[in-house]
């Protein structure tokens, strides 16, 4: 045990020293406020300090709760069966180990932490008469802070980690520090916590395996046409625009949950845009470029390949924001090439956007701009990954910190987390425009966004629209997506799925998981919509497919990607998707 503890300590010290030397090679001023929360914190705490009576009541309440905890602990120690004073929230997995409830010491540690963290978070959330964005920013920061100080994140107060260390005679700590050193090495001196076994997956071999051909490409995308699986297909093909922040194969992780394969089985000709992972040569690409070279050129190619004059389209997340903007541009130009548009977890109105909104003030954008300038005009994929991980820190940071380093375990193979870590770079001009115009100014929803010298008005869009949202989506919340659905001027079908931003969308019917809600009407508020909605168990895909079939024309002979107008460039999934950041 002693030898292993010494080995673990030396491994950690060596890794930290090497990381410090690497950082010294590229010196940068340490920001005293890396989360840019100081002004908001001053506002909120200033308001709290002006209400001393409220602080006194809150402190008295916390003291009373601690008295209850000590009385409960004393009764439990004497052999009584007592209910906990406070319990973890539903879905909180940090305290699943039985010792957190059965061992009186760890039970008190757990409940003491929960009392204090709940008290701190409630103290902030109950503040009145402060700027709503300041309050939201401090709430997020306080939640992040209290999550970081959870006793489950420390060896001395984590019963599972202590038990593993004792039973392995300290070997688990040696393995953990070796994992820690490897993650520092992989991150180039910055900690890059492994979430899965990255060596187990290869794009085109065991993820992104749906057969097809790349039939068109330009600077920013490859257009993939997938192999049909039915003898006949609907006349009007389907073209999907995923987010360019991630790669398209979230739609094709495994055969059993592949949306691309499922759509082919329903008789649709499926095209997907595989966005480039941009480097410095594409740093000047703009939102207008992504509209023209993305939506316009891809729809041109898909129509020519299929021999039709219209396509149905899908926009997922930021791909949906681009598609919405392009629909408004087409409406202004009288272009009717898009027969219908479906949106997966996509926002048009950002007034009630998710927590990414907290990372879009000018302080954050100034930092991002400096990072992009230092990177030759592109934002690194790791920066994007770190931001998304912070939004769900318990699931995507601390759970792996505990498992990898305190328990010494190797991350398990998980295709979704492999995809999640496969982030792309962002061109400076495109990314800053998106953050400022959409998150910052909400220009599209206000009718103030100008693209290609055209002022965009979503109310002029008469194209039939299907809007999917997810109940637990933290990136594109249901209220935000619903506000966007109300902006379109044509017929809109709104559907709410169970789960979140990914699982809510990628929920194959065969899994028989979650549920969805439908309502033919679109009342003024999401609450009114929910009041009239019908809940149905399982995936929302069949509901959408029936809607889509009605917009897809008659049946024609299945289209072979190798026999269309365009000569195939290469097999799916293409080469763009394989470029690593």
Protein backbone atom coordinates (compact mmCIF):
# COMPACT_ATOMS: atom_id res chain seq x y z
CA UNK A 1 0.00 0.00 0.00
CA UNK A 2 2.74 2.47 0.98
CA UNK A 3 4.74 1.75 -2.15
CA UNK A 4 1.70 2.21 -4.37
CA UNK A 5 0.74 5.48 -2.67
CA UNK A 6 4.28 6.74 -3.27
CA UNK A 7 4.12 5.64 -6.93
CA UNK A 8 0.77 7.38 -7.38
CA UNK A 9 2.10 10.59 -5.81
CA UNK A 10 5.24 10.57 -7.96
CA UNK A 11 3.22 9.93 -11.13
CA UNK A 12 0.88 12.82 -10.34
CA UNK A 13 3.75 15.18 -9.45
CA UNK A 14 5.62 14.30 -12.64
CA UNK A 15 2.54 14.84 -14.80
CA UNK A 16 1.75 18.18 -13.18
CA UNK A 17 5.35 19.35 -13.48
CA UNK A 18 5.45 18.42 -17.18
CA UNK A 19 2.13 20.18 -17.78
CA UNK A 20 3.43 23.30 -16.02
CA UNK A 21 6.52 23.31 -18.23
CA UNK A 22 4.37 22.98 -21.35
CA UNK A 23 2.23 25.90 -20.28
CA UNK A 24 5.34 27.95 -19.53
CA UNK A 25 6.33 27.56 -23.17
CA UNK A 26 3.22 29.52 -24.18
CA UNK A 27 2.83 32.04 -21.37
CA UNK A 28 -0.51 33.76 -20.97
CA UNK A 29 -1.86 36.03 -18.29
CA UNK A 30 -3.99 34.12 -15.83
CA UNK A 31 -7.42 35.71 -15.75
CA UNK A 32 -8.66 36.46 -12.23
CA UNK A 33 -12.20 35.90 -13.52
CA UNK A 34 -12.07 33.16 -16.20
CA UNK A 35 -15.87 32.74 -16.18
CA UNK A 36 -16.55 36.49 -16.42
CA UNK A 37 -18.95 36.24 -13.53
CA UNK A 38 -17.61 39.05 -11.30
CA UNK A 39 -19.96 41.85 -12.48
CA UNK A 40 -23.02 39.59 -12.25
CA UNK A 41 -21.88 38.27 -8.86
CA UNK A 42 -21.43 41.83 -7.60
CA UNK A 43 -24.95 42.69 -8.74
CA UNK A 44 -26.55 39.66 -7.08
CA UNK A 45 -24.54 39.80 -3.85
CA UNK A 46 -25.10 43.54 -3.62
CA UNK A 47 -28.83 42.94 -3.74
CA UNK A 48 -28.54 40.23 -1.09
CA UNK A 49 -26.53 42.47 1.22
CA UNK A 50 -29.22 45.14 0.95
CA UNK A 51 -31.68 42.68 2.48
CA UNK A 52 -30.04 41.75 5.81
CA UNK A 53 -33.29 40.42 7.24
CA UNK A 54 -33.53 37.91 4.40
CA UNK A 55 -29.95 36.76 4.98
CA UNK A 56 -30.65 36.32 8.69
CA UNK A 57 -33.74 34.23 7.94
CA UNK A 58 -31.80 32.11 5.43
CA UNK A 59 -28.96 31.52 7.90
CA UNK A 60 -31.43 30.61 10.64
CA UNK A 61 -33.13 28.17 8.30
CA UNK A 62 -29.78 26.55 7.44
CA UNK A 63 -28.88 26.31 11.15
CA UNK A 64 -32.25 24.67 11.85
CA UNK A 65 -31.71 22.15 9.07
CA UNK A 66 -28.29 21.27 10.49
CA UNK A 67 -29.85 20.71 13.91
CA UNK A 68 -32.30 18.33 12.30
CA UNK A 69 -29.43 16.54 10.59
CA UNK A 70 -27.47 16.06 13.84
CA UNK A 71 -30.59 14.86 15.67
CA UNK A 72 -31.30 12.43 12.81
CA UNK A 73 -27.70 11.19 12.88
CA UNK A 74 -27.84 10.66 16.65
CA UNK A 75 -31.09 8.68 16.36
CA UNK A 76 -29.65 6.60 13.54
CA UNK A 77 -26.51 5.89 15.58
CA UNK A 78 -28.72 4.60 18.39
CA UNK A 79 -30.29 2.06 16.05
CA UNK A 80 -33.46 3.88 14.98
CA UNK A 81 -34.65 3.85 11.39
CA UNK A 82 -34.97 7.48 10.31
CA UNK A 83 -35.82 9.26 7.10
CA UNK A 84 -33.02 11.43 5.67
CA UNK A 85 -33.28 15.16 6.24
CA UNK A 86 -32.34 15.76 2.60
CA UNK A 87 -31.97 13.42 -0.37
CA UNK A 88 -30.22 13.74 -3.74
CA UNK A 89 -32.32 15.00 -6.62
CA UNK A 90 -33.87 12.47 -8.95
CA UNK A 91 -31.27 11.32 -11.47
CA UNK A 92 -28.29 12.38 -9.33
CA UNK A 93 -25.92 9.40 -9.62
CA UNK A 94 -23.11 10.75 -7.44
CA UNK A 95 -24.38 9.05 -4.30
CA UNK A 96 -25.53 5.70 -5.67
CA UNK A 97 -22.99 3.67 -3.69
CA UNK A 98 -24.80 1.97 -0.75
CA UNK A 99 -22.31 3.35 1.81
CA UNK A 100 -23.61 6.86 1.20
CA UNK A 101 -26.82 5.77 2.94
CA UNK A 102 -25.71 2.83 5.14
CA UNK A 103 -22.49 4.19 6.64
CA UNK A 104 -23.43 6.87 9.22
CA UNK A 105 -20.27 8.91 8.58
CA UNK A 106 -20.72 9.11 4.83
CA UNK A 107 -24.46 9.63 5.24
CA UNK A 108 -23.79 12.74 7.34
CA UNK A 109 -21.15 13.98 4.88
CA UNK A 110 -23.58 13.53 1.99
CA UNK A 111 -26.52 15.21 3.70
CA UNK A 112 -24.36 18.05 5.02
CA UNK A 113 -23.15 18.75 1.50
CA UNK A 114 -26.67 18.60 0.05
CA UNK A 115 -28.02 20.96 2.71
CA UNK A 116 -25.29 23.51 2.08
CA UNK A 117 -25.29 23.32 -1.72
CA UNK A 118 -29.10 23.47 -1.91
CA UNK A 119 -29.04 26.45 0.46
CA UNK A 120 -26.46 28.34 -1.61
CA UNK A 121 -28.24 27.66 -4.89
CA UNK A 122 -31.62 28.64 -3.44
CA UNK A 123 -30.16 31.83 -1.94
CA UNK A 124 -29.16 32.97 -5.42
CA UNK A 125 -32.25 31.76 -7.27
CA UNK A 126 -34.58 33.58 -4.85
CA UNK A 127 -32.95 36.99 -5.33
CA UNK A 128 -35.36 39.58 -6.68
CA UNK A 129 -34.93 42.87 -8.56
CA UNK A 130 -31.67 42.05 -10.33
CA UNK A 131 -30.88 41.81 -14.02
CA UNK A 132 -32.30 38.43 -15.18
CA UNK A 133 -29.19 37.56 -17.18
CA UNK A 134 -26.91 38.44 -14.25
CA UNK A 135 -29.01 36.25 -11.99
CA UNK A 136 -28.95 33.36 -14.47
CA UNK A 137 -25.18 33.68 -14.85
CA UNK A 138 -24.62 33.56 -11.07
CA UNK A 139 -27.03 30.62 -10.74
CA UNK A 140 -25.02 28.70 -13.33
CA UNK A 141 -21.71 29.59 -11.68
CA UNK A 142 -22.99 28.64 -8.22
CA UNK A 143 -24.27 25.30 -9.51
CA UNK A 144 -20.93 24.63 -11.18
CA UNK A 145 -19.09 25.57 -7.97
CA UNK A 146 -21.22 23.43 -5.67
CA UNK A 147 -20.98 20.49 -8.08
CA UNK A 148 -17.18 20.78 -8.02
CA UNK A 149 -17.07 20.65 -4.21
CA UNK A 150 -19.18 17.51 -3.93
CA UNK A 151 -17.65 15.04 -1.45
CA UNK A 152 -17.91 12.39 -4.16
CA UNK A 153 -15.10 14.20 -6.03
CA UNK A 154 -12.51 13.69 -3.26
CA UNK A 155 -10.75 10.46 -2.33
CA UNK A 156 -11.02 10.95 1.44
CA UNK A 157 -14.81 11.38 1.31
CA UNK A 158 -15.76 8.94 -1.44
CA UNK A 159 -16.53 5.50 0.06
CA UNK A 160 -16.37 3.66 -3.26
CA UNK A 161 -12.95 5.11 -4.11
CA UNK A 162 -11.61 4.38 -0.61
CA UNK A 163 -12.91 0.81 -0.76
CA UNK A 164 -11.27 0.30 -4.17
CA UNK A 165 -7.98 1.73 -2.91
CA UNK A 166 -7.96 -0.57 0.12
CA UNK A 167 -8.98 -3.72 -1.76
CA UNK A 168 -6.37 -3.12 -4.48
CA UNK A 169 -3.61 -2.19 -2.03
CA UNK A 170 -3.37 1.22 -3.69
CA UNK A 171 -3.12 -0.11 -7.26
CA UNK A 172 -6.30 1.77 -8.19
CA UNK A 173 -4.62 5.06 -7.27
CA UNK A 174 -1.55 4.20 -9.34
CA UNK A 175 -3.76 3.42 -12.34
CA UNK A 176 -5.74 6.59 -11.69
CA UNK A 177 -2.64 8.78 -11.70
CA UNK A 178 -1.41 7.03 -14.84
CA UNK A 179 -4.77 7.88 -16.44
CA UNK A 180 -4.37 11.44 -15.19
CA UNK A 181 -0.88 11.72 -16.71
CA UNK A 182 -2.10 10.25 -20.02
CA UNK A 183 -4.99 12.74 -20.20
CA UNK A 184 -2.62 15.63 -19.52
CA UNK A 185 -0.35 14.34 -22.28
CA UNK A 186 -3.27 13.97 -24.69
CA UNK A 187 -4.41 17.51 -23.91
CA UNK A 188 -0.98 18.97 -24.58
CA UNK A 189 -0.52 20.06 -20.97
CA UNK A 190 -4.20 20.79 -20.33
CA UNK A 191 -6.39 18.17 -18.72
CA UNK A 192 -8.51 16.41 -21.34
CA UNK A 193 -10.58 13.87 -19.42
CA UNK A 194 -11.16 10.66 -21.38
CA UNK A 195 -14.84 9.79 -21.68
CA UNK A 196 -14.55 6.56 -23.64
CA UNK A 197 -12.05 4.18 -25.20
CA UNK A 198 -11.28 6.14 -28.35
CA UNK A 199 -9.28 3.31 -29.91
CA UNK A 200 -12.36 1.07 -30.06
CA UNK A 201 -14.12 3.16 -32.71
CA UNK A 202 -13.30 3.93 -36.31
CA UNK A 203 -15.47 6.02 -38.59
CA UNK A 204 -16.70 3.85 -41.44
CA UNK A 205 -15.88 0.60 -39.63
CA UNK A 206 -18.13 0.47 -36.55
CA UNK A 207 -19.74 3.94 -36.58
CA UNK A 208 -21.09 5.77 -39.65
CA UNK A 209 -21.52 2.51 -41.59
CA UNK A 210 -24.70 3.11 -43.61
CA UNK A 211 -23.82 2.38 -47.27
CA UNK A 212 -23.90 5.21 -49.78
CA UNK A 213 -21.85 7.47 -52.02
CA UNK A 214 -20.47 11.00 -51.83
CA UNK A 215 -22.00 12.45 -55.00
CA UNK A 216 -21.03 16.14 -54.62
CA UNK A 217 -18.61 18.25 -52.64
CA UNK A 218 -17.38 21.81 -52.32
CA UNK A 219 -15.21 23.68 -49.82
CA UNK A 220 -17.58 23.30 -46.88
CA UNK A 221 -19.48 20.03 -47.34
CA UNK A 222 -19.71 16.63 -48.93
CA UNK A 223 -23.19 15.53 -50.00
CA UNK A 224 -23.84 11.84 -49.28
CA UNK A 225 -26.64 9.89 -50.95
CA UNK A 226 -27.43 6.69 -49.05
CA UNK A 227 -28.31 3.33 -50.54
CA UNK A 228 -32.06 2.61 -50.72
CA UNK A 229 -33.40 -0.45 -48.93
CA UNK A 230 -36.80 -0.61 -50.64
CA UNK A 231 -37.72 -1.31 -54.27
CA UNK A 232 -39.65 1.94 -54.52
CA UNK A 233 -39.06 5.31 -52.86
CA UNK A 234 -40.99 8.52 -52.46
CA UNK A 235 -40.51 10.92 -55.35
CA UNK A 236 -39.32 13.88 -53.30
CA UNK A 237 -36.00 13.10 -51.54
CA UNK A 238 -35.00 14.10 -48.02
CA UNK A 239 -31.89 16.22 -47.38
CA UNK A 240 -30.59 16.51 -43.80
CA UNK A 241 -28.40 19.37 -42.55
CA UNK A 242 -26.81 18.36 -39.22
CA UNK A 243 -25.00 20.88 -36.99
CA UNK A 244 -21.49 21.74 -38.17
CA UNK A 245 -20.35 21.92 -34.54
CA UNK A 246 -20.53 18.11 -34.52
CA UNK A 247 -20.30 15.46 -37.20
CA UNK A 248 -23.24 13.92 -39.03
CA UNK A 249 -22.82 10.36 -37.77
CA UNK A 250 -24.92 11.02 -34.67
CA UNK A 251 -27.58 10.01 -37.21
CA UNK A 252 -25.75 6.74 -37.91
CA UNK A 253 -23.98 5.44 -34.80
CA UNK A 254 -25.13 1.82 -34.98
CA UNK A 255 -27.43 -0.01 -37.39
CA UNK A 256 -30.07 -0.49 -34.68
CA UNK A 257 -30.35 3.21 -33.80
CA UNK A 258 -29.40 4.75 -37.16
CA UNK A 259 -31.93 7.35 -38.27
CA UNK A 260 -30.44 7.25 -41.76
CA UNK A 261 -31.04 3.50 -42.10
CA UNK A 262 -34.53 3.80 -40.59
CA UNK A 263 -35.53 6.54 -43.04
CA UNK A 264 -34.25 4.46 -45.95
CA UNK A 265 -36.38 1.57 -44.68
CA UNK A 266 -39.44 3.88 -44.78
CA UNK A 267 -38.93 4.45 -48.50
CA UNK A 268 -37.15 7.82 -48.50
CA UNK A 269 -34.18 8.78 -50.65
CA UNK A 270 -31.84 10.14 -48.00
CA UNK A 271 -29.15 12.76 -48.57
CA UNK A 272 -27.00 14.14 -45.72
CA UNK A 273 -24.63 17.10 -45.66
CA UNK A 274 -21.27 16.14 -44.12
CA UNK A 275 -19.72 19.48 -43.13
CA UNK A 276 -16.01 20.11 -43.45
CA UNK A 277 -13.84 20.33 -40.35
CA UNK A 278 -12.48 23.77 -41.27
CA UNK A 279 -8.86 24.80 -40.95
CA UNK A 280 -7.17 28.20 -41.23
CA UNK A 281 -7.82 28.37 -44.99
CA UNK A 282 -11.55 28.59 -44.28
CA UNK A 283 -11.34 31.07 -41.38
CA UNK A 284 -13.09 33.80 -43.38
CA UNK A 285 -16.12 31.66 -44.27
CA UNK A 286 -19.33 33.43 -43.26
CA UNK A 287 -22.90 32.51 -42.41
CA UNK A 288 -23.79 33.72 -45.93
CA UNK A 289 -21.23 31.28 -47.36
CA UNK A 290 -22.77 28.41 -45.41
CA UNK A 291 -26.17 29.41 -46.76
CA UNK A 292 -25.04 29.56 -50.42
CA UNK A 293 -22.42 26.78 -50.48
CA UNK A 294 -24.34 24.76 -47.90
CA UNK A 295 -28.11 24.92 -48.30
CA UNK A 296 -28.37 26.27 -51.85
CA UNK A 297 -25.64 24.16 -53.49
CA UNK A 298 -26.59 20.98 -51.62
CA UNK A 299 -30.27 21.29 -52.56
CA UNK A 300 -29.26 22.02 -56.18
CA UNK A 301 -27.13 18.86 -56.24
CA UNK A 302 -29.75 16.66 -54.54
CA UNK A 303 -32.49 17.80 -56.93
CA UNK A 304 -30.28 17.23 -59.96
CA UNK A 305 -29.20 13.80 -58.71
CA UNK A 306 -32.79 12.72 -58.02
CA UNK A 307 -34.27 14.40 -61.12
CA UNK A 308 -36.79 16.50 -59.18
CA UNK A 309 -37.57 20.18 -58.65
CA UNK A 310 -38.13 20.06 -54.89
CA UNK A 311 -36.62 18.47 -51.79
CA UNK A 312 -37.75 17.97 -48.22
CA UNK A 313 -35.22 19.18 -45.69
CA UNK A 314 -34.17 18.66 -42.07
CA UNK A 315 -32.13 21.02 -39.91
CA UNK A 316 -30.67 19.73 -36.64
CA UNK A 317 -29.65 22.24 -33.94
CA UNK A 318 -27.52 25.00 -35.52
CA UNK A 319 -28.15 23.36 -38.89
CA UNK A 320 -31.80 24.16 -38.29
CA UNK A 321 -31.02 27.79 -37.50
CA UNK A 322 -29.21 28.06 -40.85
CA UNK A 323 -32.06 26.28 -42.64
CA UNK A 324 -34.62 28.66 -41.07
CA UNK A 325 -32.62 31.67 -42.21
CA UNK A 326 -32.30 30.23 -45.71
CA UNK A 327 -36.05 29.56 -45.88
CA UNK A 328 -36.66 33.23 -45.12
CA UNK A 329 -34.11 34.18 -47.79
CA UNK A 330 -35.84 31.87 -50.30
CA UNK A 331 -39.23 33.32 -49.38
CA UNK A 332 -37.95 36.81 -50.18
CA UNK A 333 -36.60 35.56 -53.52
CA UNK A 334 -39.69 33.52 -54.42
CA UNK A 335 -37.65 30.29 -54.42
CA UNK A 336 -39.89 27.27 -53.73
CA UNK A 337 -37.40 24.41 -54.01
CA UNK A 338 -38.01 23.24 -50.43
CA UNK A 339 -41.28 21.30 -50.17
CA UNK A 340 -41.13 20.95 -46.37
CA UNK A 341 -38.76 21.64 -43.51
CA UNK A 342 -38.28 19.65 -40.31
CA UNK A 343 -36.35 20.98 -37.34
CA UNK A 344 -34.68 18.83 -34.69
CA UNK A 345 -33.93 20.75 -31.47
CA UNK A 346 -33.37 23.93 -33.48
CA UNK A 347 -33.85 27.51 -32.35
CA UNK A 348 -35.00 30.56 -34.29
CA UNK A 349 -35.93 32.75 -31.31
CA UNK A 350 -33.11 32.95 -28.75
CA UNK A 351 -34.88 35.05 -26.10
CA UNK A 352 -35.21 31.98 -23.86
CA UNK A 353 -32.25 30.00 -25.21
CA UNK A 354 -30.39 27.38 -23.19
CA UNK A 355 -27.34 27.84 -20.98
CA UNK A 356 -25.08 28.46 -23.98
CA UNK A 357 -26.56 31.96 -23.84
CA UNK A 358 -24.39 32.55 -20.75
CA UNK A 359 -21.25 32.18 -22.87
CA UNK A 360 -22.17 34.83 -25.44
CA UNK A 361 -21.67 38.18 -23.75
CA UNK A 362 -18.95 40.47 -25.08
CA UNK A 363 -16.43 39.39 -22.43
CA UNK A 364 -16.71 35.77 -23.54
CA UNK A 365 -16.71 36.74 -27.21
CA UNK A 366 -13.59 38.86 -26.73
CA UNK A 367 -11.82 35.83 -25.22
CA UNK A 368 -13.07 33.61 -28.05
CA UNK A 369 -11.83 36.06 -30.64
CA UNK A 370 -8.37 36.07 -29.08
CA UNK A 371 -8.33 32.26 -29.04
CA UNK A 372 -9.38 32.12 -32.68
CA UNK A 373 -6.77 34.68 -33.70
CA UNK A 374 -4.12 32.64 -31.89
CA UNK A 375 -5.38 29.53 -33.72
CA UNK A 376 -5.12 31.11 -37.14
CA UNK A 377 -8.76 32.16 -37.37
CA UNK A 378 -10.50 29.01 -36.15
CA UNK A 379 -11.79 27.95 -32.76
CA UNK A 380 -10.44 24.60 -31.62
CA UNK A 381 -12.79 21.66 -31.31
CA UNK A 382 -11.61 21.14 -27.72
CA UNK A 383 -12.89 24.59 -26.73
CA UNK A 384 -16.32 23.68 -28.04
CA UNK A 385 -16.21 20.30 -26.28
CA UNK A 386 -15.19 21.89 -22.97
CA UNK A 387 -18.09 24.34 -23.19
CA UNK A 388 -20.66 21.62 -23.82
CA UNK A 389 -19.18 19.48 -21.04
CA UNK A 390 -19.55 22.36 -18.56
CA UNK A 391 -23.27 22.46 -19.27
CA UNK A 392 -23.56 18.96 -17.79
CA UNK A 393 -20.53 18.85 -15.54
CA UNK A 394 -21.70 16.06 -13.21
CA UNK A 395 -22.35 13.70 -16.13
CA UNK A 396 -19.56 14.73 -18.51
CA UNK A 397 -16.75 15.88 -16.21
CA UNK A 398 -16.98 14.78 -12.58
CA UNK A 399 -18.29 11.26 -13.16
CA UNK A 400 -15.24 10.55 -15.34
CA UNK A 401 -12.91 12.38 -12.94
CA UNK A 402 -14.02 10.01 -10.18
CA UNK A 403 -14.02 6.86 -12.30
CA UNK A 404 -10.76 7.50 -14.18
CA UNK A 405 -8.62 9.03 -11.44
CA UNK A 406 -10.04 8.15 -8.01
CA UNK A 407 -11.14 4.63 -8.95
CA UNK A 408 -8.41 3.94 -11.53
CA UNK A 409 -10.85 2.54 -14.10
CA UNK A 410 -10.48 2.65 -17.85
CA UNK A 411 -13.32 4.42 -19.70
CA UNK A 412 -15.78 2.02 -21.28
CA UNK A 413 -16.35 1.97 -25.05
CA UNK A 414 -19.39 4.13 -25.82
CA UNK A 415 -20.10 5.27 -29.37
CA UNK A 416 -22.14 8.30 -28.32
CA UNK A 417 -19.28 9.65 -26.19
CA UNK A 418 -16.82 8.92 -29.02
CA UNK A 419 -18.99 11.09 -31.27
CA UNK A 420 -19.36 13.71 -28.52
CA UNK A 421 -15.58 14.09 -28.31
CA UNK A 422 -15.18 14.29 -32.10
CA UNK A 423 -15.79 18.04 -32.23
CA UNK A 424 -15.02 20.25 -35.21
CA UNK A 425 -13.29 23.61 -35.46
CA UNK A 426 -15.26 26.82 -36.04
CA UNK A 427 -14.33 29.52 -38.59
CA UNK A 428 -13.98 32.90 -36.87
CA UNK A 429 -16.28 34.96 -39.11
CA UNK A 430 -19.04 32.33 -39.10
CA UNK A 431 -18.92 31.62 -35.38
CA UNK A 432 -18.83 35.23 -34.16
CA UNK A 433 -21.70 36.15 -36.49
CA UNK A 434 -23.77 33.29 -35.14
CA UNK A 435 -23.12 34.10 -31.48
CA UNK A 436 -23.62 37.85 -31.86
CA UNK A 437 -26.56 37.95 -34.26
CA UNK A 438 -28.57 35.03 -32.91
CA UNK A 439 -27.69 34.63 -29.21
CA UNK A 440 -26.66 38.24 -28.63
CA UNK A 441 -29.15 40.26 -30.70
CA UNK A 442 -31.87 37.67 -31.45
CA UNK A 443 -31.94 39.32 -34.85
CA UNK A 444 -33.74 36.55 -36.79
CA UNK A 445 -36.71 36.48 -34.41
CA UNK A 446 -36.93 40.29 -34.45
CA UNK A 447 -36.92 40.42 -38.26
CA UNK A 448 -33.65 42.36 -38.20
CA UNK A 449 -31.23 39.76 -39.62
CA UNK A 450 -29.74 40.64 -43.00
CA UNK A 451 -28.11 37.96 -45.15
CA UNK A 452 -26.95 38.48 -48.71
CA UNK A 453 -28.46 42.01 -48.58
CA UNK A 454 -31.90 40.57 -47.77
CA UNK A 455 -33.75 41.32 -44.53
CA UNK A 456 -35.15 38.02 -43.31
CA UNK A 457 -38.77 37.61 -42.20
CA UNK A 458 -39.84 34.16 -41.00
CA UNK A 459 -43.51 35.12 -41.21
CA UNK A 460 -43.10 35.10 -45.01
CA UNK A 461 -42.13 31.41 -44.91
CA UNK A 462 -45.21 29.46 -46.01
CA UNK A 463 -43.41 26.11 -46.34
CA UNK A 464 -44.97 23.33 -44.20
CA UNK A 465 -42.85 22.93 -41.06
CA UNK A 466 -42.46 20.10 -38.53
CA UNK A 467 -40.78 21.16 -35.27
CA UNK A 468 -39.38 18.60 -32.83
CA UNK A 469 -38.31 19.61 -29.33
CA UNK A 470 -37.18 17.58 -26.31
CA UNK A 471 -38.54 17.93 -22.80
CA UNK A 472 -35.16 17.91 -21.02
CA UNK A 473 -33.10 19.71 -23.66
CA UNK A 474 -30.61 22.06 -21.94
CA UNK A 475 -29.21 23.49 -25.19
CA UNK A 476 -32.45 24.21 -27.07
CA UNK A 477 -35.14 24.25 -24.33
CA UNK A 478 -38.72 23.48 -25.23
CA UNK A 479 -39.87 27.05 -24.50
CA UNK A 480 -37.21 28.45 -26.82
CA UNK A 481 -38.03 26.04 -29.65
CA UNK A 482 -41.76 26.72 -29.25
CA UNK A 483 -41.20 30.46 -29.57
CA UNK A 484 -39.42 29.79 -32.86
CA UNK A 485 -42.23 27.57 -34.14
CA UNK A 486 -44.66 30.47 -33.68
CA UNK A 487 -42.63 32.68 -36.05
CA UNK A 488 -43.30 30.75 -39.27
CA UNK A 489 -46.08 31.96 -41.55
CA UNK A 490 -47.20 28.58 -42.86
CA UNK A 491 -48.60 25.38 -41.31
CA UNK A 492 -46.55 24.20 -38.30
CA UNK A 493 -46.68 20.82 -36.54
CA UNK A 494 -45.01 20.81 -33.12
CA UNK A 495 -43.99 17.59 -31.34
CA UNK A 496 -42.34 17.22 -27.94
CA UNK A 497 -40.14 14.19 -27.24
CA UNK A 498 -38.95 12.80 -23.94
CA UNK A 499 -35.28 13.06 -22.85
CA UNK A 500 -32.76 15.64 -24.06
CA UNK A 501 -30.86 17.23 -26.93
CA UNK A 502 -29.44 13.95 -28.26
CA UNK A 503 -31.46 11.05 -26.85
CA UNK A 504 -34.69 12.93 -27.48
CA UNK A 505 -33.87 13.12 -31.19
CA UNK A 506 -32.00 9.83 -31.72
CA UNK A 507 -34.63 7.47 -30.35
CA UNK A 508 -35.23 4.60 -32.74
CA UNK A 509 -38.67 2.95 -32.43
CA UNK A 510 -37.10 -0.46 -31.85
CA UNK A 511 -35.71 0.77 -28.51
CA UNK A 512 -39.23 1.43 -27.21
CA UNK A 513 -37.89 4.18 -24.89
CA UNK A 514 -39.26 7.48 -23.60
CA UNK A 515 -42.45 9.01 -24.98
CA UNK A 516 -43.66 11.92 -27.07
CA UNK A 517 -46.49 14.43 -27.02
CA UNK A 518 -48.51 15.65 -30.02
CA UNK A 519 -51.08 18.39 -30.47
CA UNK A 520 -52.51 19.47 -33.83
CA UNK A 521 -52.92 23.03 -32.54
CA UNK A 522 -50.29 25.68 -31.85
CA UNK A 523 -51.70 27.92 -29.09
CA UNK A 524 -49.97 31.02 -27.78
CA UNK A 525 -47.99 29.36 -24.99
CA UNK A 526 -46.20 26.04 -24.53
CA UNK A 527 -48.21 25.51 -21.35
CA UNK A 528 -51.44 25.73 -23.35
CA UNK A 529 -49.97 23.37 -25.93
CA UNK A 530 -49.10 20.82 -23.23
CA UNK A 531 -52.59 21.06 -21.75
CA UNK A 532 -54.04 19.88 -25.05
CA UNK A 533 -51.29 17.42 -25.97
CA UNK A 534 -51.63 13.65 -26.21
CA UNK A 535 -48.87 11.52 -24.70
CA UNK A 536 -47.78 8.42 -26.64
CA UNK A 537 -45.19 5.89 -25.44
CA UNK A 538 -42.07 5.37 -27.54
CA UNK A 539 -40.34 7.18 -30.37
CA UNK A 540 -41.75 10.19 -32.23
CA UNK A 541 -40.17 9.01 -35.50
CA UNK A 542 -43.28 7.19 -36.83
CA UNK A 543 -45.43 10.29 -36.23
CA UNK A 544 -42.94 12.40 -38.19
CA UNK A 545 -42.63 9.80 -40.97
CA UNK A 546 -46.40 9.88 -41.60
CA UNK A 547 -46.26 13.68 -41.81
CA UNK A 548 -43.25 13.50 -44.13
CA UNK A 549 -44.76 10.88 -46.45
CA UNK A 550 -47.68 13.21 -47.11
CA UNK A 551 -45.18 15.84 -48.32
CA UNK A 552 -43.06 13.45 -50.42
CA UNK A 553 -45.14 12.73 -53.52
CA UNK A 554 -45.85 9.40 -55.17
CA UNK A 555 -43.64 6.31 -55.40
CA UNK A 556 -40.89 5.86 -57.98
CA UNK A 557 -38.19 3.27 -58.63
CA UNK A 558 -35.49 3.27 -55.95
CA UNK A 559 -32.50 5.48 -56.79
CA UNK A 560 -29.05 3.92 -56.90
CA UNK A 561 -26.48 6.53 -55.71
CA UNK A 562 -23.96 5.17 -58.25
CA UNK A 563 -26.32 5.74 -61.21
CA UNK A 564 -27.44 9.32 -60.76
CA UNK A 565 -26.40 12.43 -62.66
CA UNK A 566 -23.21 12.84 -60.60
CA UNK A 567 -20.35 10.38 -60.72
CA UNK A 568 -19.64 9.12 -57.18
CA UNK A 569 -16.60 10.72 -55.61
CA UNK A 570 -16.07 8.11 -52.89
CA UNK A 571 -17.97 5.74 -50.64
CA UNK A 572 -19.89 6.93 -47.59
CA UNK A 573 -19.14 8.22 -45.01
CA UNK A 574 -16.68 10.25 -47.11
CA UNK A 575 -13.40 11.88 -46.16
CA UNK A 576 -14.57 15.17 -44.63
CA UNK A 577 -16.04 13.40 -41.60
CA UNK A 578 -12.74 11.65 -40.88
CA UNK A 579 -10.72 14.85 -40.42
CA UNK A 580 -9.81 15.19 -36.73
CA UNK A 581 -9.44 18.48 -34.89
